[in-house]
């Protein structure tokens, strides 16, 4: 199930973004600017570049690209 970013508080979006950035740290050898990367991720969530998906089975929230969730914006509720 996809979650619309406007349904979440600013703090919740930032927390999701920060967790996602931290989870990606093992993928890079570069020491990131955590605040900068987190803000970039928040911007991607708000622009729709990254989607918030709730896994009902795992009861976990994931950030994914549109390609990862086979998303097509048809102006409908994508649950």
N, C-alpha and C. Protein backbone atom coordinates (compact mmCIF):
# COMPACT_ATOMS: atom_id res chain seq x y z
N UNK A 1 0.84 -1.16 0.00
CA UNK A 1 0.00 0.00 0.00
C UNK A 1 0.90 1.24 0.00
N UNK A 2 0.58 2.18 -0.89
CA UNK A 2 1.35 3.41 -0.95
C UNK A 2 0.78 4.43 0.03
N UNK A 3 1.66 5.19 0.65
CA UNK A 3 1.27 6.23 1.59
C UNK A 3 1.57 7.58 0.95
N UNK A 4 0.60 8.46 0.95
CA UNK A 4 0.77 9.79 0.39
C UNK A 4 1.55 10.65 1.39
N UNK A 5 2.63 11.29 0.93
CA UNK A 5 3.45 12.07 1.86
C UNK A 5 2.67 13.13 2.65
N UNK A 6 1.63 13.69 2.05
CA UNK A 6 0.86 14.71 2.75
C UNK A 6 0.07 14.13 3.92
N UNK A 7 -0.03 12.80 4.00
CA UNK A 7 -0.69 12.15 5.14
C UNK A 7 0.23 12.02 6.35
N UNK A 8 1.50 12.34 6.16
CA UNK A 8 2.50 12.21 7.23
C UNK A 8 2.97 13.58 7.69
N UNK A 9 3.42 13.65 8.91
CA UNK A 9 3.98 14.90 9.43
C UNK A 9 5.36 15.12 8.80
N UNK A 10 5.80 16.35 8.85
CA UNK A 10 7.13 16.71 8.36
C UNK A 10 8.20 15.89 9.09
N UNK A 11 8.01 15.70 10.39
CA UNK A 11 8.96 14.95 11.21
C UNK A 11 9.00 13.48 10.77
N UNK A 12 7.85 12.90 10.46
CA UNK A 12 7.80 11.50 10.03
C UNK A 12 8.52 11.32 8.70
N UNK A 13 8.31 12.25 7.78
CA UNK A 13 8.99 12.18 6.47
C UNK A 13 10.49 12.29 6.66
N UNK A 14 10.92 13.22 7.50
CA UNK A 14 12.36 13.38 7.74
C UNK A 14 12.96 12.13 8.38
N UNK A 15 12.23 11.52 9.31
CA UNK A 15 12.72 10.30 9.96
C UNK A 15 12.85 9.16 8.95
N UNK A 16 11.86 9.01 8.07
CA UNK A 16 11.94 7.98 7.03
C UNK A 16 13.14 8.23 6.12
N UNK A 17 13.33 9.49 5.75
CA UNK A 17 14.43 9.83 4.87
C UNK A 17 15.77 9.54 5.53
N UNK A 18 15.90 9.91 6.79
CA UNK A 18 17.17 9.70 7.50
C UNK A 18 17.47 8.21 7.65
N UNK A 19 16.46 7.41 7.99
CA UNK A 19 16.66 5.96 8.10
C UNK A 19 17.10 5.37 6.76
N UNK A 20 16.48 5.85 5.68
CA UNK A 20 16.81 5.35 4.35
C UNK A 20 18.25 5.69 3.99
N UNK A 21 18.66 6.94 4.27
CA UNK A 21 20.03 7.36 3.98
C UNK A 21 21.01 6.51 4.78
N UNK A 22 20.74 6.30 6.06
CA UNK A 22 21.64 5.50 6.90
C UNK A 22 21.72 4.07 6.37
N UNK A 23 20.60 3.53 5.89
CA UNK A 23 20.62 2.16 5.36
C UNK A 23 21.47 2.05 4.10
N UNK A 24 21.65 3.15 3.39
CA UNK A 24 22.44 3.15 2.16
C UNK A 24 23.93 3.39 2.41
N UNK A 25 24.30 3.72 3.64
CA UNK A 25 25.70 4.03 3.93
C UNK A 25 26.64 2.87 3.65
N UNK A 26 26.17 1.65 3.84
CA UNK A 26 27.03 0.50 3.58
C UNK A 26 27.30 0.33 2.09
N UNK A 27 26.51 1.02 1.24
CA UNK A 27 26.69 0.92 -0.20
C UNK A 27 27.75 1.86 -0.75
N UNK A 28 28.32 2.69 0.11
CA UNK A 28 29.27 3.68 -0.37
C UNK A 28 30.47 3.77 0.58
N UNK A 29 31.57 4.16 0.03
CA UNK A 29 32.76 4.36 0.85
C UNK A 29 32.95 5.82 1.20
N UNK A 30 32.10 6.66 0.64
CA UNK A 30 32.18 8.10 0.89
C UNK A 30 31.48 8.41 2.21
N UNK A 31 32.09 9.25 3.01
CA UNK A 31 31.44 9.69 4.25
C UNK A 31 30.46 10.80 3.86
N UNK A 32 29.18 10.54 4.05
CA UNK A 32 28.18 11.49 3.56
C UNK A 32 27.96 12.66 4.52
N UNK A 33 27.38 13.68 3.98
CA UNK A 33 26.86 14.76 4.80
C UNK A 33 25.43 14.35 5.10
N UNK A 34 25.21 13.73 6.25
CA UNK A 34 23.93 13.12 6.58
C UNK A 34 22.77 14.08 6.44
N UNK A 35 22.91 15.30 6.96
CA UNK A 35 21.82 16.27 6.87
C UNK A 35 21.50 16.62 5.42
N UNK A 36 22.54 16.78 4.62
CA UNK A 36 22.36 17.12 3.21
C UNK A 36 21.66 15.98 2.46
N UNK A 37 22.13 14.77 2.65
CA UNK A 37 21.52 13.61 1.99
C UNK A 37 20.09 13.40 2.46
N UNK A 38 19.85 13.62 3.74
CA UNK A 38 18.49 13.47 4.27
C UNK A 38 17.56 14.49 3.62
N UNK A 39 18.02 15.73 3.49
CA UNK A 39 17.17 16.77 2.87
C UNK A 39 16.92 16.44 1.41
N UNK A 40 17.92 15.94 0.70
CA UNK A 40 17.73 15.53 -0.69
C UNK A 40 16.68 14.43 -0.79
N UNK A 41 16.71 13.50 0.14
CA UNK A 41 15.75 12.40 0.16
C UNK A 41 14.35 12.91 0.47
N UNK A 42 14.23 13.83 1.42
CA UNK A 42 12.93 14.45 1.73
C UNK A 42 12.39 15.12 0.47
N UNK A 43 13.23 15.84 -0.24
CA UNK A 43 12.80 16.51 -1.48
C UNK A 43 12.31 15.51 -2.51
N UNK A 44 12.99 14.36 -2.61
CA UNK A 44 12.57 13.33 -3.57
C UNK A 44 11.23 12.71 -3.17
N UNK A 45 11.00 12.58 -1.88
CA UNK A 45 9.71 12.06 -1.41
C UNK A 45 8.60 13.05 -1.77
N UNK A 46 8.83 14.31 -1.48
CA UNK A 46 7.81 15.34 -1.74
C UNK A 46 7.53 15.53 -3.22
N UNK A 47 8.55 15.32 -4.07
CA UNK A 47 8.36 15.49 -5.51
C UNK A 47 7.77 14.25 -6.17
N UNK A 48 7.71 13.15 -5.42
CA UNK A 48 7.17 11.92 -5.97
C UNK A 48 8.21 11.03 -6.62
N UNK A 49 9.47 11.43 -6.57
CA UNK A 49 10.54 10.61 -7.14
C UNK A 49 10.74 9.34 -6.31
N UNK A 50 10.56 9.45 -4.99
CA UNK A 50 10.57 8.29 -4.10
C UNK A 50 9.17 8.14 -3.51
N UNK A 51 8.67 6.92 -3.48
CA UNK A 51 7.35 6.64 -2.94
C UNK A 51 7.48 5.95 -1.59
N UNK A 52 6.48 6.15 -0.76
CA UNK A 52 6.44 5.51 0.56
C UNK A 52 5.50 4.33 0.46
N UNK A 53 6.04 3.15 0.69
CA UNK A 53 5.23 1.93 0.61
C UNK A 53 5.20 1.25 1.97
N UNK A 54 4.00 0.87 2.39
CA UNK A 54 3.83 0.14 3.63
C UNK A 54 3.63 -1.33 3.30
N UNK A 55 4.52 -2.19 3.79
CA UNK A 55 4.40 -3.62 3.59
C UNK A 55 3.48 -4.19 4.66
N UNK A 56 2.29 -4.58 4.26
CA UNK A 56 1.30 -5.04 5.23
C UNK A 56 1.75 -6.32 5.94
N UNK A 57 2.40 -7.22 5.22
CA UNK A 57 2.87 -8.46 5.84
C UNK A 57 3.95 -8.21 6.86
N UNK A 58 4.93 -7.39 6.48
CA UNK A 58 6.07 -7.13 7.36
C UNK A 58 5.83 -5.98 8.33
N UNK A 59 4.74 -5.22 8.09
CA UNK A 59 4.43 -4.05 8.92
C UNK A 59 5.61 -3.07 8.92
N UNK A 60 6.22 -2.91 7.74
CA UNK A 60 7.40 -2.07 7.59
C UNK A 60 7.15 -1.05 6.49
N UNK A 61 7.75 0.13 6.64
CA UNK A 61 7.65 1.18 5.64
C UNK A 61 8.95 1.20 4.84
N UNK A 62 8.81 1.32 3.52
CA UNK A 62 9.95 1.34 2.61
C UNK A 62 9.87 2.57 1.72
N UNK A 63 11.02 3.09 1.34
CA UNK A 63 11.09 4.10 0.29
C UNK A 63 11.52 3.39 -0.98
N UNK A 64 10.77 3.60 -2.05
CA UNK A 64 11.07 2.94 -3.32
C UNK A 64 10.86 3.90 -4.47
N UNK A 65 11.52 3.61 -5.58
CA UNK A 65 11.29 4.38 -6.79
C UNK A 65 10.00 3.89 -7.44
N UNK A 66 9.48 4.68 -8.36
CA UNK A 66 8.26 4.28 -9.07
C UNK A 66 8.47 2.95 -9.80
N UNK A 67 9.65 2.74 -10.35
CA UNK A 67 9.95 1.49 -11.06
C UNK A 67 9.90 0.29 -10.12
N UNK A 68 10.34 0.48 -8.89
CA UNK A 68 10.36 -0.63 -7.93
C UNK A 68 8.97 -1.07 -7.49
N UNK A 69 7.98 -0.19 -7.63
CA UNK A 69 6.61 -0.57 -7.23
C UNK A 69 5.67 -0.62 -8.43
N UNK A 70 6.22 -0.55 -9.65
CA UNK A 70 5.41 -0.56 -10.87
C UNK A 70 4.29 0.46 -10.80
N UNK A 71 4.65 1.68 -10.42
CA UNK A 71 3.70 2.77 -10.20
C UNK A 71 3.40 3.49 -11.50
N UNK A 72 2.13 3.73 -11.74
CA UNK A 72 1.74 4.61 -12.84
C UNK A 72 0.77 5.62 -12.28
N UNK A 73 1.04 6.88 -12.51
CA UNK A 73 0.20 7.96 -11.99
C UNK A 73 -0.98 8.15 -12.92
N UNK A 74 -2.13 7.64 -12.52
CA UNK A 74 -3.34 7.75 -13.31
C UNK A 74 -4.36 8.63 -12.63
N UNK A 75 -3.93 9.36 -11.61
CA UNK A 75 -4.84 10.23 -10.90
C UNK A 75 -5.83 9.49 -10.03
N UNK A 76 -5.48 8.25 -9.65
CA UNK A 76 -6.36 7.45 -8.82
C UNK A 76 -5.64 7.05 -7.55
N UNK A 77 -6.37 6.53 -6.61
CA UNK A 77 -5.78 6.04 -5.38
C UNK A 77 -5.13 4.70 -5.69
N UNK A 78 -3.82 4.57 -5.45
CA UNK A 78 -3.05 3.40 -5.85
C UNK A 78 -2.87 2.40 -4.72
N UNK A 79 -3.92 2.10 -3.98
CA UNK A 79 -3.80 1.12 -2.90
C UNK A 79 -4.04 -0.25 -3.45
